C-alpha atoms as a PDB file:
ATOM      1  CA  MET A   1      -7.581  19.971   4.500  1.00  0.00           C
ATOM      2  CA  LYS A   2      -7.701  19.825   7.923  1.00  0.00           C
ATOM      3  CA  GLN A   3      -5.765  16.892   7.547  1.00  0.00           C
ATOM      4  CA  LEU A   4      -2.722  18.308   5.315  1.00  0.00           C
ATOM      5  CA  SER A   5      -1.958  21.158   8.054  1.00  0.00           C
ATOM      6  CA  GLN A   6      -1.501  17.907  10.731  1.00  0.00           C
ATOM      7  CA  ARG A   7       0.467  16.521   8.626  1.00  0.00           C
ATOM      8  CA  VAL A   8       2.731  19.688   8.179  1.00  0.00           C
ATOM      9  CA  LEU A   9       2.803  20.379  12.135  1.00  0.00           C
ATOM     10  CA  ILE A  10       4.213  16.812  12.927  1.00  0.00           C
ATOM     11  CA  LEU A  11       6.674  16.784   9.945  1.00  0.00           C
ATOM     12  CA  GLY A  12       7.600  20.619  11.830  1.00  0.00           C
ATOM     13  CA  ILE A  13       7.914  18.388  15.591  1.00  0.00           C
ATOM     14  CA  VAL A  14       9.776  15.734  13.733  1.00  0.00           C
ATOM     15  CA  LEU A  15      12.453  17.971  11.940  1.00  0.00           C
ATOM     16  CA  ALA A  16      12.556  19.861  15.921  1.00  0.00           C
ATOM     17  CA  VAL A  17      13.615  17.282  17.931  1.00  0.00           C
ATOM     18  CA  LEU A  18      16.385  16.046  15.516  1.00  0.00           C
ATOM     19  CA  GLY A  19      17.462  19.063  15.449  1.00  0.00           C
ATOM     20  CA  VAL A  20      17.468  18.654  19.144  1.00  0.00           C
ATOM     21  CA  ILE A  21      19.127  15.586  18.918  1.00  0.00           C
ATOM     22  CA  CYS A  22      22.331  16.769  16.991  1.00  0.00           C
ATOM     23  CA  LEU A  23      22.672  19.033  19.044  1.00  0.00           C
ATOM     24  CA  ILE A  24      22.781  16.706  21.696  1.00  0.00           C
ATOM     25  CA  VAL A  25      26.106  14.787  20.048  1.00  0.00           C
ATOM     26  CA  PRO A  26      27.160  17.287  16.966  1.00  0.00           C
ATOM     27  CA  PHE A  27      30.536  16.138  16.626  1.00  0.00           C
ATOM     28  CA  GLN A  28      28.721  11.840  15.885  1.00  0.00           C
ATOM     29  CA  THR A  29      26.174  14.352  13.521  1.00  0.00           C
ATOM     30  CA  GLY A  30      28.901  16.012  11.323  1.00  0.00           C
ATOM     31  CA  MET A  31      30.846  12.392  11.177  1.00  0.00           C
ATOM     32  CA  ALA A  32      27.926  10.198  10.272  1.00  0.00           C
ATOM     33  CA  ILE A  33      27.345  13.281   7.287  1.00  0.00           C
ATOM     34  CA  SER A  34      30.308  12.657   6.058  1.00  0.00           C
ATOM     35  CA  VAL A  35      30.628   9.049   5.619  1.00  0.00           C
ATOM     36  CA  ILE A  36      26.440   8.707   4.518  1.00  0.00           C
ATOM     37  CA  LEU A  37      27.196  11.713   1.788  1.00  0.00           C
ATOM     38  CA  GLY A  38      30.651   9.670   0.885  1.00  0.00           C
ATOM     39  CA  LEU A  39      28.120   6.558  -0.208  1.00  0.00           C
ATOM     40  CA  PHE A  40      26.123   8.411  -2.007  1.00  0.00           C
ATOM     41  CA  PHE A  41      28.429   9.942  -3.960  1.00  0.00           C
ATOM     42  CA  ILE A  42      30.129   6.488  -4.617  1.00  0.00           C
ATOM     43  CA  ALA A  43      26.742   5.425  -5.159  1.00  0.00           C
ATOM     44  CA  GLY A  44      26.127   8.440  -7.402  1.00  0.00           C
ATOM     45  CA  GLY A  45      29.706   8.191  -9.256  1.00  0.00           C
ATOM     46  CA  VAL A  46      29.389   4.245 -10.137  1.00  0.00           C
ATOM     47  CA  ILE A  47      25.529   4.881 -11.242  1.00  0.00           C
ATOM     48  CA  ARG A  48      26.903   7.767 -13.565  1.00  0.00           C
ATOM     49  CA  ALA A  49      29.724   5.716 -14.769  1.00  0.00           C
ATOM     50  CA  MET A  50      27.817   3.144 -15.939  1.00  0.00           C
ATOM     51  CA  PHE A  51      25.471   5.232 -18.229  1.00  0.00           C
ATOM     52  CA  ALA A  52      28.154   7.126 -19.667  1.00  0.00           C
ATOM     53  CA  PHE A  53      28.139   5.443 -22.648  1.00  0.00           C
ATOM     54  CA  ILE A  54      24.654   5.678 -23.244  1.00  0.00           C
ATOM     55  CA  GLY A  55      25.215   9.238 -25.154  1.00  0.00           C
ATOM     56  CA  LEU A  56      25.521   9.764 -29.106  1.00  0.00           C
ATOM     57  CA  THR A  57      29.127  11.251 -28.875  1.00  0.00           C
ATOM     58  CA  TRP A  58      32.152   9.229 -27.373  1.00  0.00           C
ATOM     59  CA  GLY A  59      33.877  12.728 -26.237  1.00  0.00           C
ATOM     60  CA  SER A  60      30.302  13.408 -24.139  1.00  0.00           C
ATOM     61  CA  ALA A  61      30.650   9.963 -23.065  1.00  0.00           C
ATOM     62  CA  ILE A  62      34.238  10.565 -21.557  1.00  0.00           C
ATOM     63  CA  LEU A  63      33.706  13.373 -20.073  1.00  0.00           C
ATOM     64  CA  ARG A  64      30.295  11.710 -18.309  1.00  0.00           C
ATOM     65  CA  PHE A  65      32.622   8.551 -17.257  1.00  0.00           C
ATOM     66  CA  LEU A  66      35.291  11.251 -15.497  1.00  0.00           C
ATOM     67  CA  PHE A  67      32.598  13.158 -13.714  1.00  0.00           C
ATOM     68  CA  GLY A  68      30.931   9.465 -12.288  1.00  0.00           C
ATOM     69  CA  ALA A  69      34.630   8.799 -11.705  1.00  0.00           C
ATOM     70  CA  LEU A  70      35.434  11.681  -9.544  1.00  0.00           C
ATOM     71  CA  MET A  71      31.915  10.905  -7.453  1.00  0.00           C
ATOM     72  CA  VAL A  72      33.808   7.702  -6.591  1.00  0.00           C
ATOM     73  CA  PHE A  73      36.389   9.547  -5.594  1.00  0.00           C
ATOM     74  CA  VAL A  74      35.325  11.942  -3.699  1.00  0.00           C
ATOM     75  CA  GLY A  75      32.812   9.337  -2.402  1.00  0.00           C
ATOM     76  CA  PHE A  76      35.851   7.623  -0.898  1.00  0.00           C
ATOM     77  CA  TRP A  77      37.682  10.549   0.481  1.00  0.00           C
ATOM     78  CA  LEU A  78      34.667  11.572   2.425  1.00  0.00           C
ATOM     79  CA  ALA A  79      33.951   8.226   3.628  1.00  0.00           C
ATOM     80  CA  ILE A  80      37.540   7.740   4.731  1.00  0.00           C
ATOM     81  CA  ASN A  81      38.277  10.974   5.966  1.00  0.00           C
ATOM     82  CA  PRO A  82      35.327  11.821   7.955  1.00  0.00           C
ATOM     83  CA  ASP A  83      37.053  14.897   9.485  1.00  0.00           C
ATOM     84  CA  ALA A  84      38.493  16.621   6.679  1.00  0.00           C
ATOM     85  CA  GLY A  85      34.812  15.935   4.775  1.00  0.00           C
ATOM     86  CA  VAL A  86      33.371  17.810   7.738  1.00  0.00           C
ATOM     87  CA  GLN A  87      35.632  21.072   7.563  1.00  0.00           C
ATOM     88  CA  ALA A  88      34.872  20.671   3.544  1.00  0.00           C
ATOM     89  CA  LEU A  89      31.362  19.982   4.313  1.00  0.00           C
ATOM     90  CA  SER A  90      30.806  23.561   6.207  1.00  0.00           C
ATOM     91  CA  ILE A  91      32.148  25.881   3.547  1.00  0.00           C
ATOM     92  CA  TRP A  92      29.261  23.561   1.686  1.00  0.00           C
ATOM     93  CA  LEU A  93      26.664  24.611   4.939  1.00  0.00           C
ATOM     94  CA  ALA A  94      27.443  28.334   4.585  1.00  0.00           C
ATOM     95  CA  VAL A  95      26.844  28.545   0.864  1.00  0.00           C
ATOM     96  CA  TYR A  96      23.035  26.135   1.414  1.00  0.00           C
ATOM     97  CA  PHE A  97      22.356  27.809   4.571  1.00  0.00           C
ATOM     98  CA  PHE A  98      22.942  31.305   3.083  1.00  0.00           C
ATOM     99  CA  VAL A  99      20.753  30.359  -0.336  1.00  0.00           C
ATOM    100  CA  ASP A 100      18.147  28.720   1.956  1.00  0.00           C
ATOM    101  CA  GLY A 101      17.970  31.910   3.814  1.00  0.00           C
ATOM    102  CA  ILE A 102      17.523  34.600   0.819  1.00  0.00           C
ATOM    103  CA  LEU A 103      14.353  32.237  -0.334  1.00  0.00           C
ATOM    104  CA  GLY A 104      13.100  31.722   2.662  1.00  0.00           C
ATOM    105  CA  VAL A 105      12.973  35.414   3.312  1.00  0.00           C
ATOM    106  CA  ILE A 106      11.314  36.037   0.010  1.00  0.00           C
ATOM    107  CA  TYR A 107       9.018  33.592   0.580  1.00  0.00           C
ATOM    108  CA  SER A 108       8.185  34.756   3.658  1.00  0.00           C
ATOM    109  CA  PHE A 109       6.391  38.320   1.491  1.00  0.00           C
ATOM    110  CA  GLN A 110       4.536  35.663  -0.695  1.00  0.00           C
ATOM    111  CA  LEU A 111       3.091  34.472   2.618  1.00  0.00           C
ATOM    112  CA  ARG A 112       1.837  37.890   4.115  1.00  0.00           C
ATOM    113  CA  PRO A 113      -1.771  37.383   2.975  1.00  0.00           C
ATOM    114  CA  ILE A 114      -2.348  34.154   4.053  1.00  0.00           C
ATOM    115  CA  GLY A 115      -0.438  33.974   7.385  1.00  0.00           C
ATOM    116  CA  GLY A 116       2.109  31.897   8.743  1.00  0.00           C
ATOM    117  CA  GLY A 117       4.836  34.085   6.798  1.00  0.00           C
ATOM    118  CA  SER A 118       6.838  35.570   9.752  1.00  0.00           C
ATOM    119  CA  GLY A 119       7.943  32.028  11.284  1.00  0.00           C
ATOM    120  CA  VAL A 120       9.285  31.456   7.537  1.00  0.00           C
ATOM    121  CA  LEU A 121      10.593  34.821   8.391  1.00  0.00           C
ATOM    122  CA  LEU A 122      12.533  33.788  11.512  1.00  0.00           C
ATOM    123  CA  ASN A 123      13.798  31.201   9.401  1.00  0.00           C
ATOM    124  CA  GLY A 124      15.090  32.325   6.305  1.00  0.00           C
ATOM    125  CA  ILE A 125      17.047  35.777   8.189  1.00  0.00           C
ATOM    126  CA  MET A 126      18.625  33.064  10.961  1.00  0.00           C
ATOM    127  CA  GLY A 127      20.282  30.887   8.090  1.00  0.00           C
ATOM    128  CA  ILE A 128      21.271  33.567   6.758  1.00  0.00           C
ATOM    129  CA  ALA A 129      22.730  34.410  10.107  1.00  0.00           C
ATOM    130  CA  LEU A 130      24.021  30.724  10.441  1.00  0.00           C
ATOM    131  CA  ALA A 131      25.940  30.686   7.050  1.00  0.00           C
ATOM    132  CA  ALA A 132      27.737  33.562   7.829  1.00  0.00           C
ATOM    133  CA  MET A 133      29.161  32.430  10.934  1.00  0.00           C
ATOM    134  CA  ILE A 134      30.134  29.489   9.158  1.00  0.00           C
ATOM    135  CA  TRP A 135      32.197  31.400   7.201  1.00  0.00           C
ATOM    136  CA  PHE A 136      33.254  33.949   9.406  1.00  0.00           C
ATOM    137  CA  GLN A 137      34.588  31.355  11.612  1.00  0.00           C
ATOM    138  CA  TRP A 138      35.894  28.590   9.202  1.00  0.00           C
ATOM    139  CA  PRO A 139      38.297  27.152   9.470  1.00  0.00           C
ATOM    140  CA  PHE A 140      38.580  26.877  13.622  1.00  0.00           C
ATOM    141  CA  SER A 141      34.552  26.455  13.486  1.00  0.00           C
ATOM    142  CA  GLY A 142      36.134  22.617  14.363  1.00  0.00           C
ATOM    143  CA  ASP A 143      34.624  19.336  13.603  1.00  0.00           C
ATOM    144  CA  SER A 144      31.203  19.577  15.864  1.00  0.00           C
ATOM    145  CA  ALA A 145      29.970  22.892  13.784  1.00  0.00           C
ATOM    146  CA  VAL A 146      28.453  21.023  10.774  1.00  0.00           C
ATOM    147  CA  GLY A 147      26.310  18.798  13.663  1.00  0.00           C
ATOM    148  CA  ILE A 148      25.845  22.405  15.616  1.00  0.00           C
ATOM    149  CA  LEU A 149      24.372  23.523  12.708  1.00  0.00           C
ATOM    150  CA  ILE A 150      22.870  21.223  11.047  1.00  0.00           C
ATOM    151  CA  GLY A 151      20.174  20.710  14.546  1.00  0.00           C
ATOM    152  CA  ILE A 152      19.686  24.646  14.603  1.00  0.00           C
ATOM    153  CA  LYS A 153      18.825  24.111  11.113  1.00  0.00           C
ATOM    154  CA  LEU A 154      16.273  21.265  11.636  1.00  0.00           C
ATOM    155  CA  ILE A 155      15.127  23.410  14.370  1.00  0.00           C
ATOM    156  CA  LEU A 156      14.866  26.475  12.371  1.00  0.00           C
ATOM    157  CA  ASP A 157      12.935  24.730   9.321  1.00  0.00           C
ATOM    158  CA  GLY A 158      10.882  22.546  12.229  1.00  0.00           C
ATOM    159  CA  GLY A 159       9.384  25.622  13.645  1.00  0.00           C
ATOM    160  CA  ALA A 160       8.916  27.605  10.401  1.00  0.00           C
ATOM    161  CA  LEU A 161       6.517  23.878   9.400  1.00  0.00           C
ATOM    162  CA  ILE A 162       4.895  24.291  13.002  1.00  0.00           C
ATOM    163  CA  SER A 163       3.647  27.899  12.007  1.00  0.00           C
ATOM    164  CA  LEU A 164       2.901  26.837   8.691  1.00  0.00           C
ATOM    165  CA  GLY A 165       0.829  24.006  10.561  1.00  0.00           C
ATOM    166  CA  ILE A 166      -0.932  26.007  13.202  1.00  0.00           C
ATOM    167  CA  ALA A 167      -1.368  28.548  10.084  1.00  0.00           C
ATOM    168  CA  GLY A 168      -3.097  25.987   7.817  1.00  0.00           C
ATOM    169  CA  ARG A 169      -5.448  24.470  11.132  1.00  0.00           C
ATOM    170  CA  SER A 170      -7.050  28.576  11.225  1.00  0.00           C
ATOM    171  CA  LEU A 171      -7.130  28.940   7.349  1.00  0.00           C
ATOM    172  CA  GLY A 172      -9.406  25.699   6.910  1.00  0.00           C
ATOM    173  CA  GLY A 173      -9.855  25.067   2.967  1.00  0.00           C
ATOM    174  CA  THR A 174      -6.710  26.712   2.033  1.00  0.00           C
ATOM    175  CA  VAL A 175      -4.251  25.106   3.579  1.00  0.00           C
ATOM    176  CA  GLU A 176      -2.228  23.875  -0.029  1.00  0.00           C
ATOM    177  CA  GLU A 177      -2.082  27.440  -0.849  1.00  0.00           C
ATOM    178  CA  ILE A 178       0.278  27.811   1.862  1.00  0.00           C
ATOM    179  CA  LEU A 179       2.235  25.322   0.961  1.00  0.00           C
END
């Protein structure tokens, strides 16, 4: 059981270090995220289009094929236009950070009886704050905003995992209940 809490602690440290790297090179981080996400969209769209016609009806097959084609188009757009892709990603990040923050706050109250919830609560509150920062400063947040905010979020997630790992060490046999 302590081995699991050790893994959680190490994962938290790794995430925090990756977050610091993102803060050091935020512009490159944002551009890389846009291109990588574009490549994932291309791959997903090709796969979706290839398997579109396995369905029972032609109507659903055509819709699935068109959705796959749309994914490929969006993927190419993100990969070819990383500047514009970063601006679009900043809005999606705002939504993600808000939802993740709300869920983190809720989860932290479930962790209160066994400890480690304060780090998760702080992580949730900061996620909501990051969402607000993106939302109210868009589109002026610039190309570096995605890299900076991803870096901050990785550091916060790493801190939350570190607090869970430390709490798991002190609890011994109940570490699985924490996760």
